[in-house]
PDB file of all heavy atoms in Angstrom:
ATOM      1  N   LYS A   1      70.485  62.824 -24.867  1.00  0.00           N
ATOM      2  CA  LYS A   1      70.013  62.601 -26.237  1.00  0.00           C
ATOM      3  C   LYS A   1      68.774  63.439 -26.530  1.00  0.00           C
ATOM      4  O   LYS A   1      68.646  64.029 -27.592  1.00  0.00           O
ATOM      5  CB  LYS A   1      69.714  61.111 -26.424  1.00  0.00           C
ATOM      6  CG  LYS A   1      69.104  60.754 -27.731  1.00  0.00           C
ATOM      7  CD  LYS A   1      70.159  60.624 -28.771  1.00  0.00           C
ATOM      8  CE  LYS A   1      69.521  60.043 -30.030  1.00  0.00           C
ATOM      9  NZ  LYS A   1      69.999  60.674 -31.201  1.00  0.00           N
ATOM     10  N   LYS A   2      67.843  63.490 -25.560  1.00  0.00           N
ATOM     11  CA  LYS A   2      66.580  64.192 -25.787  1.00  0.00           C
ATOM     12  C   LYS A   2      66.704  65.710 -25.653  1.00  0.00           C
ATOM     13  O   LYS A   2      66.118  66.452 -26.451  1.00  0.00           O
ATOM     14  CB  LYS A   2      65.519  63.696 -24.814  1.00  0.00           C
ATOM     15  CG  LYS A   2      65.014  62.310 -25.117  1.00  0.00           C
ATOM     16  CD  LYS A   2      64.002  61.871 -24.098  1.00  0.00           C
ATOM     17  CE  LYS A   2      62.667  62.426 -24.478  1.00  0.00           C
ATOM     18  NZ  LYS A   2      61.594  61.887 -23.635  1.00  0.00           N
ATOM     19  N   PHE A   3      67.453  66.176 -24.639  1.00  0.00           N
ATOM     20  CA  PHE A   3      67.433  67.597 -24.314  1.00  0.00           C
ATOM     21  C   PHE A   3      68.765  68.315 -24.515  1.00  0.00           C
ATOM     22  O   PHE A   3      68.832  69.528 -24.352  1.00  0.00           O
ATOM     23  CB  PHE A   3      66.983  67.794 -22.864  1.00  0.00           C
ATOM     24  CG  PHE A   3      65.611  67.253 -22.591  1.00  0.00           C
ATOM     25  CD1 PHE A   3      65.441  66.114 -21.834  1.00  0.00           C
ATOM     26  CD2 PHE A   3      64.498  67.881 -23.102  1.00  0.00           C
ATOM     27  CE1 PHE A   3      64.183  65.607 -21.576  1.00  0.00           C
ATOM     28  CE2 PHE A   3      63.234  67.388 -22.863  1.00  0.00           C
ATOM     29  CZ  PHE A   3      63.075  66.243 -22.101  1.00  0.00           C
ATOM     30  N   GLY A   4      69.818  67.582 -24.822  1.00  0.00           N
ATOM     31  CA  GLY A   4      71.114  68.217 -25.045  1.00  0.00           C
ATOM     32  C   GLY A   4      71.652  68.856 -23.783  1.00  0.00           C
ATOM     33  O   GLY A   4      71.572  68.294 -22.702  1.00  0.00           O
ATOM     34  N   LYS A   5      72.204  70.053 -23.939  1.00  0.00           N
ATOM     35  CA  LYS A   5      72.806  70.700 -22.767  1.00  0.00           C
ATOM     36  C   LYS A   5      71.775  71.255 -21.800  1.00  0.00           C
ATOM     37  O   LYS A   5      72.126  71.745 -20.738  1.00  0.00           O
ATOM     38  CB  LYS A   5      73.776  71.789 -23.193  1.00  0.00           C
ATOM     39  CG  LYS A   5      73.143  73.015 -23.784  1.00  0.00           C
ATOM     40  CD  LYS A   5      74.208  74.040 -24.084  1.00  0.00           C
ATOM     41  CE  LYS A   5      73.610  75.319 -24.605  1.00  0.00           C
ATOM     42  NZ  LYS A   5      74.613  76.339 -24.793  1.00  0.00           N
ATOM     43  N   TRP A   6      70.501  71.160 -22.133  1.00  0.00           N
ATOM     44  CA  TRP A   6      69.448  71.663 -21.251  1.00  0.00           C
ATOM     45  C   TRP A   6      68.855  70.568 -20.364  1.00  0.00           C
ATOM     46  O   TRP A   6      67.814  70.760 -19.749  1.00  0.00           O
ATOM     47  CB  TRP A   6      68.345  72.327 -22.068  1.00  0.00           C
ATOM     48  CG  TRP A   6      68.868  73.501 -22.802  1.00  0.00           C
ATOM     49  CD1 TRP A   6      69.083  73.602 -24.135  1.00  0.00           C
ATOM     50  CD2 TRP A   6      69.301  74.733 -22.238  1.00  0.00           C
ATOM     51  NE1 TRP A   6      69.613  74.817 -24.446  1.00  0.00           N
ATOM     52  CE2 TRP A   6      69.764  75.535 -23.297  1.00  0.00           C
ATOM     53  CE3 TRP A   6      69.359  75.233 -20.945  1.00  0.00           C
ATOM     54  CZ2 TRP A   6      70.263  76.810 -23.081  1.00  0.00           C
ATOM     55  CZ3 TRP A   6      69.852  76.500 -20.745  1.00  0.00           C
ATOM     56  CH2 TRP A   6      70.289  77.283 -21.802  1.00  0.00           C
ATOM     57  N   ARG A   7      69.519  69.428 -20.275  1.00  0.00           N
ATOM     58  CA  ARG A   7      68.998  68.347 -19.429  1.00  0.00           C
ATOM     59  C   ARG A   7      68.967  68.743 -17.958  1.00  0.00           C
ATOM     60  O   ARG A   7      68.092  68.326 -17.214  1.00  0.00           O
ATOM     61  CB  ARG A   7      69.802  67.071 -19.624  1.00  0.00           C
ATOM     62  CG  ARG A   7      71.242  67.181 -19.201  1.00  0.00           C
ATOM     63  CD  ARG A   7      72.001  65.927 -19.500  1.00  0.00           C
ATOM     64  NE  ARG A   7      73.424  66.147 -19.223  1.00  0.00           N
ATOM     65  CZ  ARG A   7      74.273  65.180 -19.006  1.00  0.00           C
ATOM     66  NH1 ARG A   7      73.874  63.940 -19.059  1.00  0.00           N
ATOM     67  NH2 ARG A   7      75.529  65.442 -18.765  1.00  0.00           N
ATOM     68  N   GLY A   8      69.892  69.567 -17.539  1.00  0.00           N
ATOM     69  CA  GLY A   8      69.887  70.047 -16.154  1.00  0.00           C
ATOM     70  C   GLY A   8      68.718  70.979 -15.876  1.00  0.00           C
ATOM     71  O   GLY A   8      68.128  70.941 -14.800  1.00  0.00           O
ATOM     72  N   ALA A   9      68.372  71.786 -16.867  1.00  0.00           N
ATOM     73  CA  ALA A   9      67.242  72.705 -16.699  1.00  0.00           C
ATOM     74  C   ALA A   9      65.928  71.929 -16.583  1.00  0.00           C
ATOM     75  O   ALA A   9      65.032  72.325 -15.820  1.00  0.00           O
ATOM     76  CB  ALA A   9      67.180  73.676 -17.869  1.00  0.00           C
ATOM     77  N   VAL A  10      65.814  70.836 -17.311  1.00  0.00           N
ATOM     78  CA  VAL A  10      64.616  69.994 -17.204  1.00  0.00           C
ATOM     79  C   VAL A  10      64.525  69.383 -15.813  1.00  0.00           C
ATOM     80  O   VAL A  10      63.443  69.342 -15.206  1.00  0.00           O
ATOM     81  CB  VAL A  10      64.635  68.906 -18.303  1.00  0.00           C
ATOM     82  CG1 VAL A  10      63.520  67.908 -18.107  1.00  0.00           C
ATOM     83  CG2 VAL A  10      64.551  69.528 -19.682  1.00  0.00           C
ATOM     84  N   ALA A  11      65.642  68.931 -15.279  1.00  0.00           N
ATOM     85  CA  ALA A  11      65.653  68.362 -13.929  1.00  0.00           C
ATOM     86  C   ALA A  11      65.303  69.415 -12.886  1.00  0.00           C
ATOM     87  O   ALA A  11      64.571  69.136 -11.927  1.00  0.00           O
ATOM     88  CB  ALA A  11      67.011  67.737 -13.635  1.00  0.00           C
ATOM     89  N   VAL A  12      65.802  70.624 -13.054  1.00  0.00           N
ATOM     90  CA  VAL A  12      65.488  71.708 -12.106  1.00  0.00           C
ATOM     91  C   VAL A  12      64.004  72.067 -12.185  1.00  0.00           C
ATOM     92  O   VAL A  12      63.359  72.310 -11.157  1.00  0.00           O
ATOM     93  CB  VAL A  12      66.379  72.940 -12.371  1.00  0.00           C
ATOM     94  CG1 VAL A  12      65.896  74.155 -11.600  1.00  0.00           C
ATOM     95  CG2 VAL A  12      67.822  72.630 -12.024  1.00  0.00           C
ATOM     96  N   ALA A  13      63.432  72.072 -13.394  1.00  0.00           N
ATOM     97  CA  ALA A  13      61.997  72.362 -13.540  1.00  0.00           C
ATOM     98  C   ALA A  13      61.152  71.297 -12.840  1.00  0.00           C
ATOM     99  O   ALA A  13      60.161  71.618 -12.175  1.00  0.00           O
ATOM    100  CB  ALA A  13      61.634  72.454 -15.014  1.00  0.00           C
ATOM    101  N   HIS A  14      61.556  70.041 -12.962  1.00  0.00           N
ATOM    102  CA  HIS A  14      60.840  68.985 -12.262  1.00  0.00           C
ATOM    103  C   HIS A  14      61.020  69.107 -10.748  1.00  0.00           C
ATOM    104  O   HIS A  14      60.105  68.789  -9.988  1.00  0.00           O
ATOM    105  CB  HIS A  14      61.303  67.605 -12.744  1.00  0.00           C
ATOM    106  CG  HIS A  14      60.673  67.192 -14.025  1.00  0.00           C
ATOM    107  ND1 HIS A  14      61.138  67.601 -15.251  1.00  0.00           N
ATOM    108  CD2 HIS A  14      59.602  66.408 -14.266  1.00  0.00           C
ATOM    109  CE1 HIS A  14      60.391  67.081 -16.195  1.00  0.00           C
ATOM    110  NE2 HIS A  14      59.441  66.346 -15.622  1.00  0.00           N
ATOM    111  N   ALA A  15      62.177  69.557 -10.323  1.00  0.00           N
ATOM    112  CA  ALA A  15      62.418  69.747  -8.894  1.00  0.00           C
ATOM    113  C   ALA A  15      61.505  70.835  -8.331  1.00  0.00           C
ATOM    114  O   ALA A  15      60.992  70.695  -7.212  1.00  0.00           O
ATOM    115  CB  ALA A  15      63.878  70.111  -8.650  1.00  0.00           C
ATOM    116  N   VAL A  16      61.299  71.881  -9.093  1.00  0.00           N
ATOM    117  CA  VAL A  16      60.384  72.941  -8.648  1.00  0.00           C
ATOM    118  C   VAL A  16      58.970  72.386  -8.510  1.00  0.00           C
ATOM    119  O   VAL A  16      58.261  72.676  -7.539  1.00  0.00           O
ATOM    120  CB  VAL A  16      60.434  74.133  -9.627  1.00  0.00           C
ATOM    121  CG1 VAL A  16      59.313  75.118  -9.360  1.00  0.00           C
ATOM    122  CG2 VAL A  16      61.778  74.833  -9.541  1.00  0.00           C
ATOM    123  N   ALA A  17      58.554  71.546  -9.466  1.00  0.00           N
ATOM    124  CA  ALA A  17      57.222  70.944  -9.398  1.00  0.00           C
ATOM    125  C   ALA A  17      57.094  70.033  -8.171  1.00  0.00           C
ATOM    126  O   ALA A  17      56.054  70.024  -7.497  1.00  0.00           O
ATOM    127  CB  ALA A  17      56.931  70.159 -10.672  1.00  0.00           C
ATOM    128  N   VAL A  18      58.133  69.284  -7.856  1.00  0.00           N
ATOM    129  CA  VAL A  18      58.109  68.408  -6.679  1.00  0.00           C
ATOM    130  C   VAL A  18      58.045  69.242  -5.402  1.00  0.00           C
ATOM    131  O   VAL A  18      57.318  68.900  -4.462  1.00  0.00           O
ATOM    132  CB  VAL A  18      59.337  67.471  -6.680  1.00  0.00           C
ATOM    133  CG1 VAL A  18      59.486  66.757  -5.359  1.00  0.00           C
ATOM    134  CG2 VAL A  18      59.229  66.469  -7.809  1.00  0.00           C
ATOM    135  N   CYS A  19      58.760  70.353  -5.352  1.00  0.00           N
ATOM    136  CA  CYS A  19      58.719  71.218  -4.170  1.00  0.00           C
ATOM    137  C   CYS A  19      57.341  71.871  -4.010  1.00  0.00           C
ATOM    138  O   CYS A  19      56.865  72.033  -2.881  1.00  0.00           O
ATOM    139  CB  CYS A  19      59.814  72.277  -4.242  1.00  0.00           C
ATOM    140  SG  CYS A  19      61.456  71.598  -3.973  1.00  0.00           S
ATOM    141  N   ILE A  20      56.707  72.215  -5.108  1.00  0.00           N
ATOM    142  CA  ILE A  20      55.341  72.757  -5.037  1.00  0.00           C
ATOM    143  C   ILE A  20      54.391  71.695  -4.495  1.00  0.00           C
ATOM    144  O   ILE A  20      53.504  71.990  -3.683  1.00  0.00           O
ATOM    145  CB  ILE A  20      54.892  73.274  -6.420  1.00  0.00           C
ATOM    146  CG1 ILE A  20      55.657  74.550  -6.760  1.00  0.00           C
ATOM    147  CG2 ILE A  20      53.394  73.523  -6.463  1.00  0.00           C
ATOM    148  CD1 ILE A  20      55.444  75.052  -8.164  1.00  0.00           C
ATOM    149  N   LEU A  21      54.570  70.444  -4.904  1.00  0.00           N
ATOM    150  CA  LEU A  21      53.767  69.347  -4.371  1.00  0.00           C
ATOM    151  C   LEU A  21      53.990  69.196  -2.866  1.00  0.00           C
ATOM    152  O   LEU A  21      53.043  68.964  -2.112  1.00  0.00           O
ATOM    153  CB  LEU A  21      54.119  68.048  -5.099  1.00  0.00           C
ATOM    154  CG  LEU A  21      53.354  66.808  -4.692  1.00  0.00           C
ATOM    155  CD1 LEU A  21      51.907  66.913  -5.150  1.00  0.00           C
ATOM    156  CD2 LEU A  21      54.006  65.583  -5.283  1.00  0.00           C
ATOM    157  N   ALA A  22      55.231  69.363  -2.430  1.00  0.00           N
ATOM    158  CA  ALA A  22      55.528  69.277  -0.993  1.00  0.00           C
ATOM    159  C   ALA A  22      54.846  70.403  -0.221  1.00  0.00           C
ATOM    160  O   ALA A  22      54.358  70.183   0.895  1.00  0.00           O
ATOM    161  CB  ALA A  22      57.028  69.317  -0.766  1.00  0.00           C
ATOM    162  N   VAL A  23      54.798  71.578  -0.791  1.00  0.00           N
ATOM    163  CA  VAL A  23      54.118  72.697  -0.136  1.00  0.00           C
ATOM    164  C   VAL A  23      52.618  72.417  -0.032  1.00  0.00           C
ATOM    165  O   VAL A  23      51.983  72.731   0.979  1.00  0.00           O
ATOM    166  CB  VAL A  23      54.396  74.017  -0.886  1.00  0.00           C
ATOM    167  CG1 VAL A  23      53.488  75.128  -0.412  1.00  0.00           C
ATOM    168  CG2 VAL A  23      55.847  74.411  -0.723  1.00  0.00           C
ATOM    169  N   MET A  24      52.054  71.774  -1.063  1.00  0.00           N
ATOM    170  CA  MET A  24      50.635  71.418  -1.000  1.00  0.00           C
ATOM    171  C   MET A  24      50.373  70.418   0.127  1.00  0.00           C
ATOM    172  O   MET A  24      49.381  70.542   0.846  1.00  0.00           O
ATOM    173  CB  MET A  24      50.177  70.860  -2.352  1.00  0.00           C
ATOM    174  CG  MET A  24      50.095  71.909  -3.436  1.00  0.00           C
ATOM    175  SD  MET A  24      49.758  71.321  -5.096  1.00  0.00           S
ATOM    176  CE  MET A  24      48.679  69.977  -4.905  1.00  0.00           C
ATOM    177  N   PHE A  25      51.260  69.439   0.307  1.00  0.00           N
ATOM    178  CA  PHE A  25      51.114  68.506   1.416  1.00  0.00           C
ATOM    179  C   PHE A  25      51.282  69.218   2.759  1.00  0.00           C
ATOM    180  O   PHE A  25      50.611  68.871   3.738  1.00  0.00           O
ATOM    181  CB  PHE A  25      52.119  67.360   1.300  1.00  0.00           C
ATOM    182  CG  PHE A  25      51.634  66.227   0.454  1.00  0.00           C
ATOM    183  CD1 PHE A  25      52.158  66.028  -0.808  1.00  0.00           C
ATOM    184  CD2 PHE A  25      50.668  65.367   0.919  1.00  0.00           C
ATOM    185  CE1 PHE A  25      51.717  64.993  -1.598  1.00  0.00           C
ATOM    186  CE2 PHE A  25      50.221  64.322   0.140  1.00  0.00           C
ATOM    187  CZ  PHE A  25      50.744  64.128  -1.123  1.00  0.00           C
ATOM    188  N   SER A  26      52.147  70.204   2.801  1.00  0.00           N
ATOM    189  CA  SER A  26      52.329  70.963   4.033  1.00  0.00           C
ATOM    190  C   SER A  26      51.066  71.743   4.380  1.00  0.00           C
ATOM    191  O   SER A  26      50.674  71.826   5.548  1.00  0.00           O
ATOM    192  CB  SER A  26      53.521  71.905   3.872  1.00  0.00           C
ATOM    193  OG  SER A  26      53.653  72.714   4.998  1.00  0.00           O
ATOM    194  N   ARG A  27      50.439  72.310   3.374  1.00  0.00           N
ATOM    195  CA  ARG A  27      49.172  73.032   3.608  1.00  0.00           C
ATOM    196  C   ARG A  27      48.085  72.066   4.072  1.00  0.00           C
ATOM    197  O   ARG A  27      47.263  72.409   4.915  1.00  0.00           O
ATOM    198  CB  ARG A  27      48.707  73.749   2.341  1.00  0.00           C
ATOM    199  CG  ARG A  27      49.654  74.781   1.829  1.00  0.00           C
ATOM    200  CD  ARG A  27      49.766  75.932   2.775  1.00  0.00           C
ATOM    201  NE  ARG A  27      50.699  76.891   2.203  1.00  0.00           N
ATOM    202  CZ  ARG A  27      51.231  77.867   2.856  1.00  0.00           C
ATOM    203  NH1 ARG A  27      50.942  78.044   4.106  1.00  0.00           N
ATOM    204  NH2 ARG A  27      52.083  78.676   2.289  1.00  0.00           N
ATOM    205  N   LEU A  28      48.089  70.854   3.525  1.00  0.00           N
ATOM    206  CA  LEU A  28      47.134  69.846   3.968  1.00  0.00           C
ATOM    207  C   LEU A  28      47.361  69.501   5.435  1.00  0.00           C
ATOM    208  O   LEU A  28      46.411  69.308   6.195  1.00  0.00           O
ATOM    209  CB  LEU A  28      47.263  68.591   3.101  1.00  0.00           C
ATOM    210  CG  LEU A  28      46.368  67.418   3.453  1.00  0.00           C
ATOM    211  CD1 LEU A  28      44.914  67.771   3.197  1.00  0.00           C
ATOM    212  CD2 LEU A  28      46.762  66.198   2.656  1.00  0.00           C
ATOM    213  N   SER A  29      48.605  69.460   5.830  1.00  0.00           N
ATOM    214  CA  SER A  29      48.932  69.220   7.236  1.00  0.00           C
ATOM    215  C   SER A  29      48.379  70.335   8.114  1.00  0.00           C
ATOM    216  O   SER A  29      47.856  70.074   9.209  1.00  0.00           O
ATOM    217  CB  SER A  29      50.448  69.119   7.385  1.00  0.00           C
ATOM    218  OG  SER A  29      50.822  69.259   8.704  1.00  0.00           O
ATOM    219  N   ASP A  30      48.481  71.572   7.652  1.00  0.00           N
ATOM    220  CA  ASP A  30      47.940  72.700   8.424  1.00  0.00           C
ATOM    221  C   ASP A  30      46.423  72.605   8.558  1.00  0.00           C
ATOM    222  O   ASP A  30      45.858  72.944   9.595  1.00  0.00           O
ATOM    223  CB  ASP A  30      48.320  74.023   7.766  1.00  0.00           C
ATOM    224  CG  ASP A  30      49.810  74.302   7.821  1.00  0.00           C
ATOM    225  OD1 ASP A  30      50.488  73.658   8.652  1.00  0.00           O
ATOM    226  OD2 ASP A  30      50.287  75.127   7.028  1.00  0.00           O
ATOM    227  N   ILE A  31      45.762  72.145   7.507  1.00  0.00           N
ATOM    228  CA  ILE A  31      44.306  72.001   7.555  1.00  0.00           C
ATOM    229  C   ILE A  31      43.919  70.885   8.516  1.00  0.00           C
ATOM    230  O   ILE A  31      42.951  71.001   9.263  1.00  0.00           O
ATOM    231  CB  ILE A  31      43.751  71.739   6.136  1.00  0.00           C
ATOM    232  CG1 ILE A  31      43.914  72.998   5.282  1.00  0.00           C
ATOM    233  CG2 ILE A  31      42.293  71.315   6.182  1.00  0.00           C
ATOM    234  CD1 ILE A  31      43.597  72.795   3.828  1.00  0.00           C
ATOM    235  N   LEU A  32      44.690  69.793   8.526  1.00  0.00           N
ATOM    236  CA  LEU A  32      44.374  68.681   9.422  1.00  0.00           C
ATOM    237  C   LEU A  32      44.539  69.048  10.887  1.00  0.00           C
ATOM    238  O   LEU A  32      43.856  68.490  11.746  1.00  0.00           O
ATOM    239  CB  LEU A  32      45.252  67.475   9.087  1.00  0.00           C
ATOM    240  CG  LEU A  32      44.882  66.712   7.822  1.00  0.00           C
ATOM    241  CD1 LEU A  32      45.901  65.612   7.559  1.00  0.00           C
ATOM    242  CD2 LEU A  32      43.493  66.124   7.934  1.00  0.00           C
ATOM    243  N   ILE A  33      45.434  69.974  11.184  1.00  0.00           N
ATOM    244  CA  ILE A  33      45.620  70.406  12.571  1.00  0.00           C
ATOM    245  C   ILE A  33      44.355  71.112  13.077  1.00  0.00           C
ATOM    246  O   ILE A  33      43.987  70.977  14.241  1.00  0.00           O
ATOM    247  CB  ILE A  33      46.855  71.330  12.686  1.00  0.00           C
ATOM    248  CG1 ILE A  33      48.117  70.503  12.505  1.00  0.00           C
ATOM    249  CG2 ILE A  33      46.892  72.043  14.022  1.00  0.00           C
ATOM    250  CD1 ILE A  33      49.376  71.324  12.433  1.00  0.00           C
ATOM    251  N   LEU A  34      43.667  71.824  12.206  1.00  0.00           N
ATOM    252  CA  LEU A  34      42.480  72.581  12.607  1.00  0.00           C
ATOM    253  C   LEU A  34      41.264  71.687  12.850  1.00  0.00           C
ATOM    254  O   LEU A  34      40.321  72.112  13.510  1.00  0.00           O
ATOM    255  CB  LEU A  34      42.158  73.633  11.555  1.00  0.00           C
ATOM    256  CG  LEU A  34      43.236  74.699  11.340  1.00  0.00           C
ATOM    257  CD1 LEU A  34      42.845  75.624  10.207  1.00  0.00           C
ATOM    258  CD2 LEU A  34      43.476  75.473  12.616  1.00  0.00           C
ATOM    259  N   GLN A  35      41.259  70.461  12.315  1.00  0.00           N
ATOM    260  CA  GLN A  35      40.107  69.574  12.502  1.00  0.00           C
ATOM    261  C   GLN A  35      40.135  68.945  13.900  1.00  0.00           C
ATOM    262  O   GLN A  35      41.191  68.762  14.497  1.00  0.00           O
ATOM    263  CB  GLN A  35      40.115  68.476  11.443  1.00  0.00           C
ATOM    264  CG  GLN A  35      39.813  68.986  10.056  1.00  0.00           C
ATOM    265  CD  GLN A  35      39.759  67.842   9.058  1.00  0.00           C
ATOM    266  OE1 GLN A  35      40.106  66.719   9.372  1.00  0.00           O
ATOM    267  NE2 GLN A  35      39.314  68.153   7.866  1.00  0.00           N
ATOM    268  N   ASP A  36      38.962  68.608  14.376  1.00  0.00           N
ATOM    269  CA  ASP A  36      38.857  68.016  15.717  1.00  0.00           C
ATOM    270  C   ASP A  36      39.326  66.562  15.747  1.00  0.00           C
ATOM    271  O   ASP A  36      40.096  66.170  16.607  1.00  0.00           O
ATOM    272  CB  ASP A  36      37.411  68.083  16.214  1.00  0.00           C
ATOM    273  CG  ASP A  36      36.987  69.511  16.495  1.00  0.00           C
ATOM    274  OD1 ASP A  36      37.874  70.333  16.784  1.00  0.00           O
ATOM    275  OD2 ASP A  36      35.782  69.790  16.415  1.00  0.00           O
ATOM    276  N   ASP A  37      38.852  65.756  14.812  1.00  0.00           N
ATOM    277  CA  ASP A  37      39.182  64.330  14.807  1.00  0.00           C
ATOM    278  C   ASP A  37      39.594  63.918  13.390  1.00  0.00           C
ATOM    279  O   ASP A  37      38.794  63.355  12.643  1.00  0.00           O
ATOM    280  CB  ASP A  37      37.983  63.511  15.279  1.00  0.00           C
ATOM    281  CG  ASP A  37      38.335  62.062  15.488  1.00  0.00           C
ATOM    282  OD1 ASP A  37      39.532  61.770  15.674  1.00  0.00           O
ATOM    283  OD2 ASP A  37      37.416  61.228  15.458  1.00  0.00           O
ATOM    284  N   PRO A  38      40.847  64.194  13.005  1.00  0.00           N
ATOM    285  CA  PRO A  38      41.267  63.850  11.640  1.00  0.00           C
ATOM    286  C   PRO A  38      41.482  62.344  11.486  1.00  0.00           C
ATOM    287  O   PRO A  38      41.854  61.641  12.426  1.00  0.00           O
ATOM    288  CB  PRO A  38      42.578  64.606  11.463  1.00  0.00           C
ATOM    289  CG  PRO A  38      43.104  64.739  12.848  1.00  0.00           C
ATOM    290  CD  PRO A  38      41.906  64.856  13.745  1.00  0.00           C
ATOM    291  N   ALA A  39      41.242  61.850  10.288  1.00  0.00           N
ATOM    292  CA  ALA A  39      41.462  60.429  10.006  1.00  0.00           C
ATOM    293  C   ALA A  39      42.956  60.114   9.910  1.00  0.00           C
ATOM    294  O   ALA A  39      43.396  59.036  10.264  1.00  0.00           O
ATOM    295  CB  ALA A  39      40.763  60.049   8.708  1.00  0.00           C
ATOM    296  N   VAL A  40      43.741  61.070   9.432  1.00  0.00           N
ATOM    297  CA  VAL A  40      45.188  60.921   9.316  1.00  0.00           C
ATOM    298  C   VAL A  40      45.831  61.962  10.219  1.00  0.00           C
ATOM    299  O   VAL A  40      45.396  63.107  10.259  1.00  0.00           O
ATOM    300  CB  VAL A  40      45.634  61.135   7.847  1.00  0.00           C
ATOM    301  CG1 VAL A  40      47.126  60.999   7.718  1.00  0.00           C
ATOM    302  CG2 VAL A  40      44.917  60.175   6.927  1.00  0.00           C
ATOM    303  N   THR A  41      46.850  61.569  10.922  1.00  0.00           N
ATOM    304  CA  THR A  41      47.488  62.536  11.815  1.00  0.00           C
ATOM    305  C   THR A  41      48.256  63.581  11.014  1.00  0.00           C
ATOM    306  O   THR A  41      48.790  63.296   9.939  1.00  0.00           O
ATOM    307  CB  THR A  41      48.448  61.831  12.784  1.00  0.00           C
ATOM    308  OG1 THR A  41      49.473  61.191  12.027  1.00  0.00           O
ATOM    309  CG2 THR A  41      47.717  60.821  13.627  1.00  0.00           C
ATOM    310  N   ALA A  42      48.305  64.763  11.550  1.00  0.00           N
ATOM    311  CA  ALA A  42      48.979  65.862  10.866  1.00  0.00           C
ATOM    312  C   ALA A  42      50.480  65.647  10.828  1.00  0.00           C
ATOM    313  O   ALA A  42      51.151  66.077   9.887  1.00  0.00           O
ATOM    314  CB  ALA A  42      48.644  67.180  11.544  1.00  0.00           C
ATOM    315  N   SER A  43      51.021  64.974  11.823  1.00  0.00           N
ATOM    316  CA  SER A  43      52.473  64.777  11.842  1.00  0.00           C
ATOM    317  C   SER A  43      52.922  63.837  10.725  1.00  0.00           C
ATOM    318  O   SER A  43      54.000  64.011  10.164  1.00  0.00           O
ATOM    319  CB  SER A  43      52.918  64.250  13.197  1.00  0.00           C
ATOM    320  OG  SER A  43      52.329  62.995  13.452  1.00  0.00           O
ATOM    321  N   SER A  44      52.114  62.841  10.384  1.00  0.00           N
ATOM    322  CA  SER A  44      52.497  61.946   9.294  1.00  0.00           C
ATOM    323  C   SER A  44      52.448  62.655   7.952  1.00  0.00           C
ATOM    324  O   SER A  44      53.302  62.434   7.091  1.00  0.00           O
ATOM    325  CB  SER A  44      51.612  60.705   9.278  1.00  0.00           C
ATOM    326  OG  SER A  44      50.270  61.059   9.023  1.00  0.00           O
TER     327      SER A  44
END
């Protein structure tokens, strides 16, 4: 109703945003590995 035949494109755009968020968490994991005593484990 809202987006017509472009509803799939909206979902794909949101998927790209979610994947970018996942990459940011992955980078945070890399930073936590470099710390000596992290509060949160890098594997989690």
